[in-house]
């Protein structure tokens, strides 16, 4: 499958993914059956997340002339609807669901910044009421992910040089690891955080803060997306997922005849 940013439903029966390189949103059964294309050009999409009840998909939508926004769409198709109906021009990126499916955590890039994603905060949106709450101390953080048990939010600073955890019960941030941390993902039991370093995938135990190597990506040619860079993810059994480049590159010698 030429796809990335794959997300599995909580029961493991469905997947949502973004086709590469066209950026369309799809869903299918986990075995690949019953595929359904949910968006078409000029839409480009990213970071889809299936709701806990497997009825909706939240995703980042990119349409010409508009900032990135978070939308909801039925898993059976239909018209995408913005999570926040009124937009002030700020970008909304990478939603993740609360365990009960009533709220979405997203990154909000406030308008007026000369540089993209440098004036950002994390927000929690109660999507039925559209009430918005800012996560304390979340300025200039991204890669946000809500834990399946609802107790933690992980994120990285914009520099990407560490991975931090926010405990909702105490309202405090702590540093989990001082290392590059791209595309962090929670294990289903909320005990581990998987993330991608410069050339490897690691697993971090929340209880001990111990980090271990899961897989080396040395000498693996990974596909690059102009917006989402090099994605990595996680299957329900803990297997790492990446999109490997299958491009064919050849060197030619050309001669010209008059």
C-alpha atoms as a PDB file:
ATOM      1  CA  UNK A   1       0.000   0.000   0.000  1.00  0.00           C
ATOM      2  CA  UNK A   2       1.427   3.392  -0.987  1.00  0.00           C
ATOM      3  CA  UNK A   3       0.165   5.160   2.113  1.00  0.00           C
ATOM      4  CA  UNK A   4       1.304   6.765   5.330  1.00  0.00           C
ATOM      5  CA  UNK A   5      -0.089   8.260   8.564  1.00  0.00           C
ATOM      6  CA  UNK A   6      -2.050   5.065   9.194  1.00  0.00           C
ATOM      7  CA  UNK A   7      -4.315   4.881  12.258  1.00  0.00           C
ATOM      8  CA  UNK A   8      -6.072   1.788  13.598  1.00  0.00           C
ATOM      9  CA  UNK A   9      -9.450   1.786  15.320  1.00  0.00           C
ATOM     10  CA  UNK A  10      -9.474   0.816  18.991  1.00  0.00           C
ATOM     11  CA  UNK A  11     -10.894  -2.614  18.171  1.00  0.00           C
ATOM     12  CA  UNK A  12      -8.290  -3.139  15.409  1.00  0.00           C
ATOM     13  CA  UNK A  13     -10.917  -3.725  12.709  1.00  0.00           C
ATOM     14  CA  UNK A  14     -10.519  -0.501  10.684  1.00  0.00           C
ATOM     15  CA  UNK A  15      -7.691   1.678   9.427  1.00  0.00           C
ATOM     16  CA  UNK A  16      -7.597   5.246   8.195  1.00  0.00           C
ATOM     17  CA  UNK A  17      -4.673   6.335   6.045  1.00  0.00           C
ATOM     18  CA  UNK A  18      -3.415   8.954   3.597  1.00  0.00           C
ATOM     19  CA  UNK A  19      -2.465   7.768   0.116  1.00  0.00           C
ATOM     20  CA  UNK A  20       0.990   8.786  -1.081  1.00  0.00           C
ATOM     21  CA  UNK A  21       1.841  11.010  -2.850  1.00  0.00           C
ATOM     22  CA  UNK A  22      -1.602  12.491  -3.691  1.00  0.00           C
ATOM     23  CA  UNK A  23      -2.664  13.051  -0.065  1.00  0.00           C
ATOM     24  CA  UNK A  24      -6.205  11.620  -0.223  1.00  0.00           C
ATOM     25  CA  UNK A  25      -7.878  10.274   2.909  1.00  0.00           C
ATOM     26  CA  UNK A  26      -9.005   6.628   2.818  1.00  0.00           C
ATOM     27  CA  UNK A  27     -10.441   4.046   5.151  1.00  0.00           C
ATOM     28  CA  UNK A  28     -10.606   0.277   4.888  1.00  0.00           C
ATOM     29  CA  UNK A  29     -10.815  -2.859   6.934  1.00  0.00           C
ATOM     30  CA  UNK A  30      -7.533  -3.739   8.628  1.00  0.00           C
ATOM     31  CA  UNK A  31      -6.955  -6.490   6.052  1.00  0.00           C
ATOM     32  CA  UNK A  32      -7.330  -3.965   3.200  1.00  0.00           C
ATOM     33  CA  UNK A  33     -10.855  -4.954   2.200  1.00  0.00           C
ATOM     34  CA  UNK A  34     -13.726  -2.474   1.762  1.00  0.00           C
ATOM     35  CA  UNK A  35     -11.488   0.496   0.829  1.00  0.00           C
ATOM     36  CA  UNK A  36     -13.282   3.830   0.537  1.00  0.00           C
ATOM     37  CA  UNK A  37     -11.766   7.122  -0.627  1.00  0.00           C
ATOM     38  CA  UNK A  38     -13.085   9.894   1.631  1.00  0.00           C
ATOM     39  CA  UNK A  39     -11.501  13.043   0.107  1.00  0.00           C
ATOM     40  CA  UNK A  40     -10.426  14.099  -3.365  1.00  0.00           C
ATOM     41  CA  UNK A  41      -8.371  16.878  -4.941  1.00  0.00           C
ATOM     42  CA  UNK A  42      -7.902  19.729  -4.259  1.00  0.00           C
ATOM     43  CA  UNK A  43      -7.987  18.381  -0.703  1.00  0.00           C
ATOM     44  CA  UNK A  44      -4.739  17.124   0.814  1.00  0.00           C
ATOM     45  CA  UNK A  45      -4.956  15.474   4.206  1.00  0.00           C
ATOM     46  CA  UNK A  46      -2.787  14.424   7.121  1.00  0.00           C
ATOM     47  CA  UNK A  47      -2.780  12.756  10.544  1.00  0.00           C
ATOM     48  CA  UNK A  48      -6.169  10.984  10.493  1.00  0.00           C
ATOM     49  CA  UNK A  49      -7.472   9.570  13.776  1.00  0.00           C
ATOM     50  CA  UNK A  50     -10.414   7.200  14.127  1.00  0.00           C
ATOM     51  CA  UNK A  51     -12.829   8.027  16.962  1.00  0.00           C
ATOM     52  CA  UNK A  52     -13.023   5.555  19.883  1.00  0.00           C
ATOM     53  CA  UNK A  53     -16.439   4.351  18.690  1.00  0.00           C
ATOM     54  CA  UNK A  54     -15.134   3.901  15.109  1.00  0.00           C
ATOM     55  CA  UNK A  55     -17.813   6.154  13.593  1.00  0.00           C
ATOM     56  CA  UNK A  56     -15.763   9.244  12.670  1.00  0.00           C
ATOM     57  CA  UNK A  57     -12.318  10.260  11.522  1.00  0.00           C
ATOM     58  CA  UNK A  58     -10.649  13.487  12.617  1.00  0.00           C
ATOM     59  CA  UNK A  59      -7.948  14.733  10.254  1.00  0.00           C
ATOM     60  CA  UNK A  60      -5.933  17.746   9.162  1.00  0.00           C
ATOM     61  CA  UNK A  61      -7.221  19.195   5.906  1.00  0.00           C
ATOM     62  CA  UNK A  62      -5.212  21.327   3.505  1.00  0.00           C
ATOM     63  CA  UNK A  63      -7.142  23.194   0.816  1.00  0.00           C
ATOM     64  CA  UNK A  64      -5.769  25.861  -1.560  1.00  0.00           C
ATOM     65  CA  UNK A  65      -5.670  29.374  -0.142  1.00  0.00           C
ATOM     66  CA  UNK A  66      -6.694  28.333   3.386  1.00  0.00           C
ATOM     67  CA  UNK A  67      -4.745  27.531   6.542  1.00  0.00           C
ATOM     68  CA  UNK A  68      -4.593  23.951   7.777  1.00  0.00           C
ATOM     69  CA  UNK A  69      -7.736  23.030   9.713  1.00  0.00           C
ATOM     70  CA  UNK A  70      -9.027  20.019  11.621  1.00  0.00           C
ATOM     71  CA  UNK A  71     -12.123  18.331  10.192  1.00  0.00           C
ATOM     72  CA  UNK A  72     -14.444  15.451  11.039  1.00  0.00           C
ATOM     73  CA  UNK A  73     -15.849  13.017   8.499  1.00  0.00           C
ATOM     74  CA  UNK A  74     -17.965   9.888   8.871  1.00  0.00           C
ATOM     75  CA  UNK A  75     -16.022   6.647   8.466  1.00  0.00           C
ATOM     76  CA  UNK A  76     -18.591   5.790   5.778  1.00  0.00           C
ATOM     77  CA  UNK A  77     -17.962   9.009   3.830  1.00  0.00           C
ATOM     78  CA  UNK A  78     -19.696  12.350   3.433  1.00  0.00           C
ATOM     79  CA  UNK A  79     -18.783  16.034   3.658  1.00  0.00           C
ATOM     80  CA  UNK A  80     -15.924  16.997   6.006  1.00  0.00           C
ATOM     81  CA  UNK A  81     -16.994  19.418   8.736  1.00  0.00           C
ATOM     82  CA  UNK A  82     -14.592  21.718  10.603  1.00  0.00           C
ATOM     83  CA  UNK A  83     -14.212  20.940  14.302  1.00  0.00           C
ATOM     84  CA  UNK A  84     -14.102  24.682  15.015  1.00  0.00           C
ATOM     85  CA  UNK A  85     -16.697  26.337  12.729  1.00  0.00           C
ATOM     86  CA  UNK A  86     -15.266  29.843  12.923  1.00  0.00           C
ATOM     87  CA  UNK A  87     -11.629  30.305  11.938  1.00  0.00           C
ATOM     88  CA  UNK A  88      -9.458  33.331  12.741  1.00  0.00           C
ATOM     89  CA  UNK A  89      -6.841  32.340  10.200  1.00  0.00           C
ATOM     90  CA  UNK A  90      -4.731  30.242  12.545  1.00  0.00           C
ATOM     91  CA  UNK A  91      -3.675  26.722  11.576  1.00  0.00           C
ATOM     92  CA  UNK A  92      -5.058  23.633  13.338  1.00  0.00           C
ATOM     93  CA  UNK A  93      -3.000  20.463  13.121  1.00  0.00           C
ATOM     94  CA  UNK A  94      -2.865  16.774  14.144  1.00  0.00           C
ATOM     95  CA  UNK A  95      -5.944  15.903  16.225  1.00  0.00           C
ATOM     96  CA  UNK A  96      -6.057  13.060  18.735  1.00  0.00           C
ATOM     97  CA  UNK A  97      -9.146  11.861  20.621  1.00  0.00           C
ATOM     98  CA  UNK A  98      -9.914  11.721  24.312  1.00  0.00           C
ATOM     99  CA  UNK A  99     -10.790   8.165  25.440  1.00  0.00           C
ATOM    100  CA  UNK A 100     -14.523   8.941  25.546  1.00  0.00           C
ATOM    101  CA  UNK A 101     -14.496  10.581  22.106  1.00  0.00           C
ATOM    102  CA  UNK A 102     -15.990  13.874  23.320  1.00  0.00           C
ATOM    103  CA  UNK A 103     -12.838  15.991  22.948  1.00  0.00           C
ATOM    104  CA  UNK A 104      -9.982  16.474  20.538  1.00  0.00           C
ATOM    105  CA  UNK A 105      -6.439  17.569  21.300  1.00  0.00           C
ATOM    106  CA  UNK A 106      -4.845  19.630  18.534  1.00  0.00           C
ATOM    107  CA  UNK A 107      -2.058  22.053  17.835  1.00  0.00           C
ATOM    108  CA  UNK A 108      -3.150  25.605  17.131  1.00  0.00           C
ATOM    109  CA  UNK A 109      -0.804  28.002  15.340  1.00  0.00           C
ATOM    110  CA  UNK A 110      -1.923  31.508  16.177  1.00  0.00           C
ATOM    111  CA  UNK A 111      -2.255  33.966  13.261  1.00  0.00           C
ATOM    112  CA  UNK A 112       0.186  36.806  12.831  1.00  0.00           C
ATOM    113  CA  UNK A 113       3.393  34.787  13.008  1.00  0.00           C
ATOM    114  CA  UNK A 114       5.914  35.477  10.264  1.00  0.00           C
ATOM    115  CA  UNK A 115       7.220  31.920  10.485  1.00  0.00           C
ATOM    116  CA  UNK A 116       4.879  28.942  10.326  1.00  0.00           C
ATOM    117  CA  UNK A 117       4.468  26.960  13.541  1.00  0.00           C
ATOM    118  CA  UNK A 118       6.454  29.272  15.775  1.00  0.00           C
ATOM    119  CA  UNK A 119       3.527  30.833  17.667  1.00  0.00           C
ATOM    120  CA  UNK A 120       1.732  27.644  18.590  1.00  0.00           C
ATOM    121  CA  UNK A 121      -0.101  26.206  21.591  1.00  0.00           C
ATOM    122  CA  UNK A 122      -1.981  22.999  22.330  1.00  0.00           C
ATOM    123  CA  UNK A 123      -5.748  23.145  22.678  1.00  0.00           C
ATOM    124  CA  UNK A 124      -8.489  20.740  23.723  1.00  0.00           C
ATOM    125  CA  UNK A 125     -11.747  21.150  21.810  1.00  0.00           C
ATOM    126  CA  UNK A 126     -15.049  19.850  23.137  1.00  0.00           C
ATOM    127  CA  UNK A 127     -16.297  19.282  19.618  1.00  0.00           C
ATOM    128  CA  UNK A 128     -20.060  18.961  20.310  1.00  0.00           C
ATOM    129  CA  UNK A 129     -20.088  22.376  22.055  1.00  0.00           C
ATOM    130  CA  UNK A 130     -16.967  23.806  20.320  1.00  0.00           C
ATOM    131  CA  UNK A 131     -15.639  24.914  23.718  1.00  0.00           C
ATOM    132  CA  UNK A 132     -11.851  25.373  23.618  1.00  0.00           C
ATOM    133  CA  UNK A 133      -9.389  24.938  26.511  1.00  0.00           C
ATOM    134  CA  UNK A 134      -5.669  25.708  26.288  1.00  0.00           C
ATOM    135  CA  UNK A 135      -3.286  23.111  27.728  1.00  0.00           C
ATOM    136  CA  UNK A 136      -1.225  24.949  30.393  1.00  0.00           C
ATOM    137  CA  UNK A 137       2.453  25.387  29.576  1.00  0.00           C
ATOM    138  CA  UNK A 138       2.044  24.132  26.017  1.00  0.00           C
ATOM    139  CA  UNK A 139       3.430  27.127  24.131  1.00  0.00           C
ATOM    140  CA  UNK A 140       5.756  26.157  21.285  1.00  0.00           C
ATOM    141  CA  UNK A 141       5.018  22.439  21.539  1.00  0.00           C
ATOM    142  CA  UNK A 142       3.838  19.991  18.868  1.00  0.00           C
ATOM    143  CA  UNK A 143       3.742  16.236  18.145  1.00  0.00           C
ATOM    144  CA  UNK A 144       0.922  16.106  20.691  1.00  0.00           C
ATOM    145  CA  UNK A 145      -0.714  12.749  21.490  1.00  0.00           C
ATOM    146  CA  UNK A 146      -3.361  11.957  24.122  1.00  0.00           C
ATOM    147  CA  UNK A 147      -2.765   8.661  25.925  1.00  0.00           C
ATOM    148  CA  UNK A 148      -5.407   5.944  25.475  1.00  0.00           C
ATOM    149  CA  UNK A 149      -6.094   5.942  29.236  1.00  0.00           C
ATOM    150  CA  UNK A 150      -6.661   9.706  29.145  1.00  0.00           C
ATOM    151  CA  UNK A 151      -4.135  10.523  31.875  1.00  0.00           C
ATOM    152  CA  UNK A 152      -1.260  11.948  29.841  1.00  0.00           C
ATOM    153  CA  UNK A 153      -0.441  14.172  26.891  1.00  0.00           C
ATOM    154  CA  UNK A 154       2.950  13.830  25.255  1.00  0.00           C
ATOM    155  CA  UNK A 155       4.479  16.501  23.033  1.00  0.00           C
ATOM    156  CA  UNK A 156       7.828  17.807  21.883  1.00  0.00           C
ATOM    157  CA  UNK A 157       9.122  21.375  21.811  1.00  0.00           C
ATOM    158  CA  UNK A 158       9.400  22.936  18.373  1.00  0.00           C
ATOM    159  CA  UNK A 159      13.119  22.157  18.415  1.00  0.00           C
ATOM    160  CA  UNK A 160      12.221  18.449  18.591  1.00  0.00           C
ATOM    161  CA  UNK A 161      15.150  17.790  20.919  1.00  0.00           C
ATOM    162  CA  UNK A 162      13.205  16.152  23.760  1.00  0.00           C
ATOM    163  CA  UNK A 163       9.907  14.472  24.535  1.00  0.00           C
ATOM    164  CA  UNK A 164       7.720  15.859  27.320  1.00  0.00           C
ATOM    165  CA  UNK A 165       4.696  14.522  29.207  1.00  0.00           C
ATOM    166  CA  UNK A 166       1.788  16.508  30.690  1.00  0.00           C
ATOM    167  CA  UNK A 167      -0.135  14.836  33.508  1.00  0.00           C
ATOM    168  CA  UNK A 168      -3.724  16.027  33.379  1.00  0.00           C
ATOM    169  CA  UNK A 169      -4.372  15.253  37.064  1.00  0.00           C
ATOM    170  CA  UNK A 170      -1.570  17.551  38.280  1.00  0.00           C
ATOM    171  CA  UNK A 171      -1.286  20.000  35.392  1.00  0.00           C
ATOM    172  CA  UNK A 172       2.504  19.533  35.326  1.00  0.00           C
ATOM    173  CA  UNK A 173       4.959  18.892  32.480  1.00  0.00           C
ATOM    174  CA  UNK A 174       7.957  16.593  32.882  1.00  0.00           C
ATOM    175  CA  UNK A 175      10.784  15.700  30.496  1.00  0.00           C
ATOM    176  CA  UNK A 176      10.716  12.028  29.542  1.00  0.00           C
ATOM    177  CA  UNK A 177      13.839  11.928  27.370  1.00  0.00           C
ATOM    178  CA  UNK A 178      16.425  14.338  26.036  1.00  0.00           C
ATOM    179  CA  UNK A 179      16.683  13.152  22.441  1.00  0.00           C
ATOM    180  CA  UNK A 180      15.175  13.739  19.007  1.00  0.00           C
ATOM    181  CA  UNK A 181      11.597  12.483  19.030  1.00  0.00           C
ATOM    182  CA  UNK A 182       9.560  12.458  15.835  1.00  0.00           C
ATOM    183  CA  UNK A 183       6.042  11.056  15.436  1.00  0.00           C
ATOM    184  CA  UNK A 184       5.546   9.757  18.985  1.00  0.00           C
ATOM    185  CA  UNK A 185       2.880   7.083  19.460  1.00  0.00           C
ATOM    186  CA  UNK A 186       1.358   5.559  22.596  1.00  0.00           C
ATOM    187  CA  UNK A 187       1.133   1.830  23.086  1.00  0.00           C
ATOM    188  CA  UNK A 188      -2.509   0.710  23.522  1.00  0.00           C
ATOM    189  CA  UNK A 189      -1.954   0.162  27.273  1.00  0.00           C
ATOM    190  CA  UNK A 190      -0.460   3.692  27.734  1.00  0.00           C
ATOM    191  CA  UNK A 191       2.690   2.222  29.301  1.00  0.00           C
ATOM    192  CA  UNK A 192       5.095   3.009  26.448  1.00  0.00           C
ATOM    193  CA  UNK A 193       5.789   5.806  23.994  1.00  0.00           C
ATOM    194  CA  UNK A 194       7.309   4.886  20.638  1.00  0.00           C
ATOM    195  CA  UNK A 195       9.084   7.554  18.604  1.00  0.00           C
ATOM    196  CA  UNK A 196      11.480   7.987  15.713  1.00  0.00           C
ATOM    197  CA  UNK A 197      14.957   9.404  16.188  1.00  0.00           C
ATOM    198  CA  UNK A 198      17.375  10.443  13.466  1.00  0.00           C
ATOM    199  CA  UNK A 199      17.804   6.907  12.125  1.00  0.00           C
ATOM    200  CA  UNK A 200      16.097   4.577  14.607  1.00  0.00           C
ATOM    201  CA  UNK A 201      12.792   3.842  16.317  1.00  0.00           C
ATOM    202  CA  UNK A 202      12.768   3.769  20.117  1.00  0.00           C
ATOM    203  CA  UNK A 203      10.421   2.756  22.915  1.00  0.00           C
ATOM    204  CA  UNK A 204      10.254   4.670  26.192  1.00  0.00           C
ATOM    205  CA  UNK A 205       8.709   3.191  29.350  1.00  0.00           C
ATOM    206  CA  UNK A 206       6.562   5.805  31.074  1.00  0.00           C
ATOM    207  CA  UNK A 207       7.087   4.329  34.540  1.00  0.00           C
ATOM    208  CA  UNK A 208      10.901   4.118  34.443  1.00  0.00           C
ATOM    209  CA  UNK A 209      11.791   6.696  31.743  1.00  0.00           C
ATOM    210  CA  UNK A 210      14.021   3.996  30.272  1.00  0.00           C
ATOM    211  CA  UNK A 211      14.534   4.139  26.483  1.00  0.00           C
ATOM    212  CA  UNK A 212      15.332   1.106  24.356  1.00  0.00           C
ATOM    213  CA  UNK A 213      16.070   0.601  20.666  1.00  0.00           C
ATOM    214  CA  UNK A 214      13.246  -1.050  18.724  1.00  0.00           C
ATOM    215  CA  UNK A 215      14.466  -0.880  15.125  1.00  0.00           C
ATOM    216  CA  UNK A 216      17.282   0.660  13.138  1.00  0.00           C
ATOM    217  CA  UNK A 217      16.402   2.626  10.002  1.00  0.00           C
ATOM    218  CA  UNK A 218      19.989   2.862   8.760  1.00  0.00           C
ATOM    219  CA  UNK A 219      20.264   2.445   4.985  1.00  0.00           C
ATOM    220  CA  UNK A 220      16.458   2.446   4.566  1.00  0.00           C
ATOM    221  CA  UNK A 221      15.252   4.934   1.982  1.00  0.00           C
ATOM    222  CA  UNK A 222      12.083   6.428   3.477  1.00  0.00           C
ATOM    223  CA  UNK A 223       9.527   8.407   1.480  1.00  0.00           C
ATOM    224  CA  UNK A 224       9.456  12.150   2.138  1.00  0.00           C
ATOM    225  CA  UNK A 225       6.308  14.293   2.181  1.00  0.00           C
ATOM    226  CA  UNK A 226       6.697  18.040   1.653  1.00  0.00           C
ATOM    227  CA  UNK A 227       4.362  18.883   4.557  1.00  0.00           C
ATOM    228  CA  UNK A 228       4.596  15.881   6.882  1.00  0.00           C
ATOM    229  CA  UNK A 229       8.235  14.878   6.355  1.00  0.00           C
ATOM    230  CA  UNK A 230       9.045  11.181   7.038  1.00  0.00           C
ATOM    231  CA  UNK A 231       6.207   9.503   8.880  1.00  0.00           C
ATOM    232  CA  UNK A 232       6.428   6.618  11.322  1.00  0.00           C
ATOM    233  CA  UNK A 233       3.625   4.892  13.175  1.00  0.00           C
ATOM    234  CA  UNK A 234       2.613   1.867  15.190  1.00  0.00           C
ATOM    235  CA  UNK A 235       0.477  -1.218  14.573  1.00  0.00           C
ATOM    236  CA  UNK A 236      -1.756  -2.529  17.381  1.00  0.00           C
ATOM    237  CA  UNK A 237       0.765  -5.267  18.225  1.00  0.00           C
ATOM    238  CA  UNK A 238       3.590  -2.735  18.665  1.00  0.00           C
ATOM    239  CA  UNK A 239       5.191  -3.252  15.245  1.00  0.00           C
ATOM    240  CA  UNK A 240       6.681  -0.026  13.861  1.00  0.00           C
ATOM    241  CA  UNK A 241       5.299   1.298  10.577  1.00  0.00           C
ATOM    242  CA  UNK A 242       7.124   3.424   7.998  1.00  0.00           C
ATOM    243  CA  UNK A 243       6.623   4.316   4.347  1.00  0.00           C
ATOM    244  CA  UNK A 244       9.567   3.011   2.351  1.00  0.00           C
ATOM    245  CA  UNK A 245      10.520   4.735  -0.865  1.00  0.00           C
ATOM    246  CA  UNK A 246      10.154   2.533  -3.930  1.00  0.00           C
ATOM    247  CA  UNK A 247      11.421   5.112  -6.433  1.00  0.00           C
ATOM    248  CA  UNK A 248      13.626   3.886  -9.249  1.00  0.00           C
ATOM    249  CA  UNK A 249      16.644   6.071  -9.913  1.00  0.00           C
ATOM    250  CA  UNK A 250      18.880   5.608 -12.916  1.00  0.00           C
ATOM    251  CA  UNK A 251      21.841   7.477 -14.393  1.00  0.00           C
ATOM    252  CA  UNK A 252      21.687   8.117 -18.128  1.00  0.00           C
ATOM    253  CA  UNK A 253      24.241   9.237 -20.677  1.00  0.00           C
ATOM    254  CA  UNK A 254      22.724  11.496 -23.335  1.00  0.00           C
ATOM    255  CA  UNK A 255      24.149  12.280 -26.757  1.00  0.00           C
ATOM    256  CA  UNK A 256      22.808  14.745 -29.286  1.00  0.00           C
ATOM    257  CA  UNK A 257      22.760  14.398 -33.076  1.00  0.00           C
ATOM    258  CA  UNK A 258      22.575  17.378 -35.404  1.00  0.00           C
END
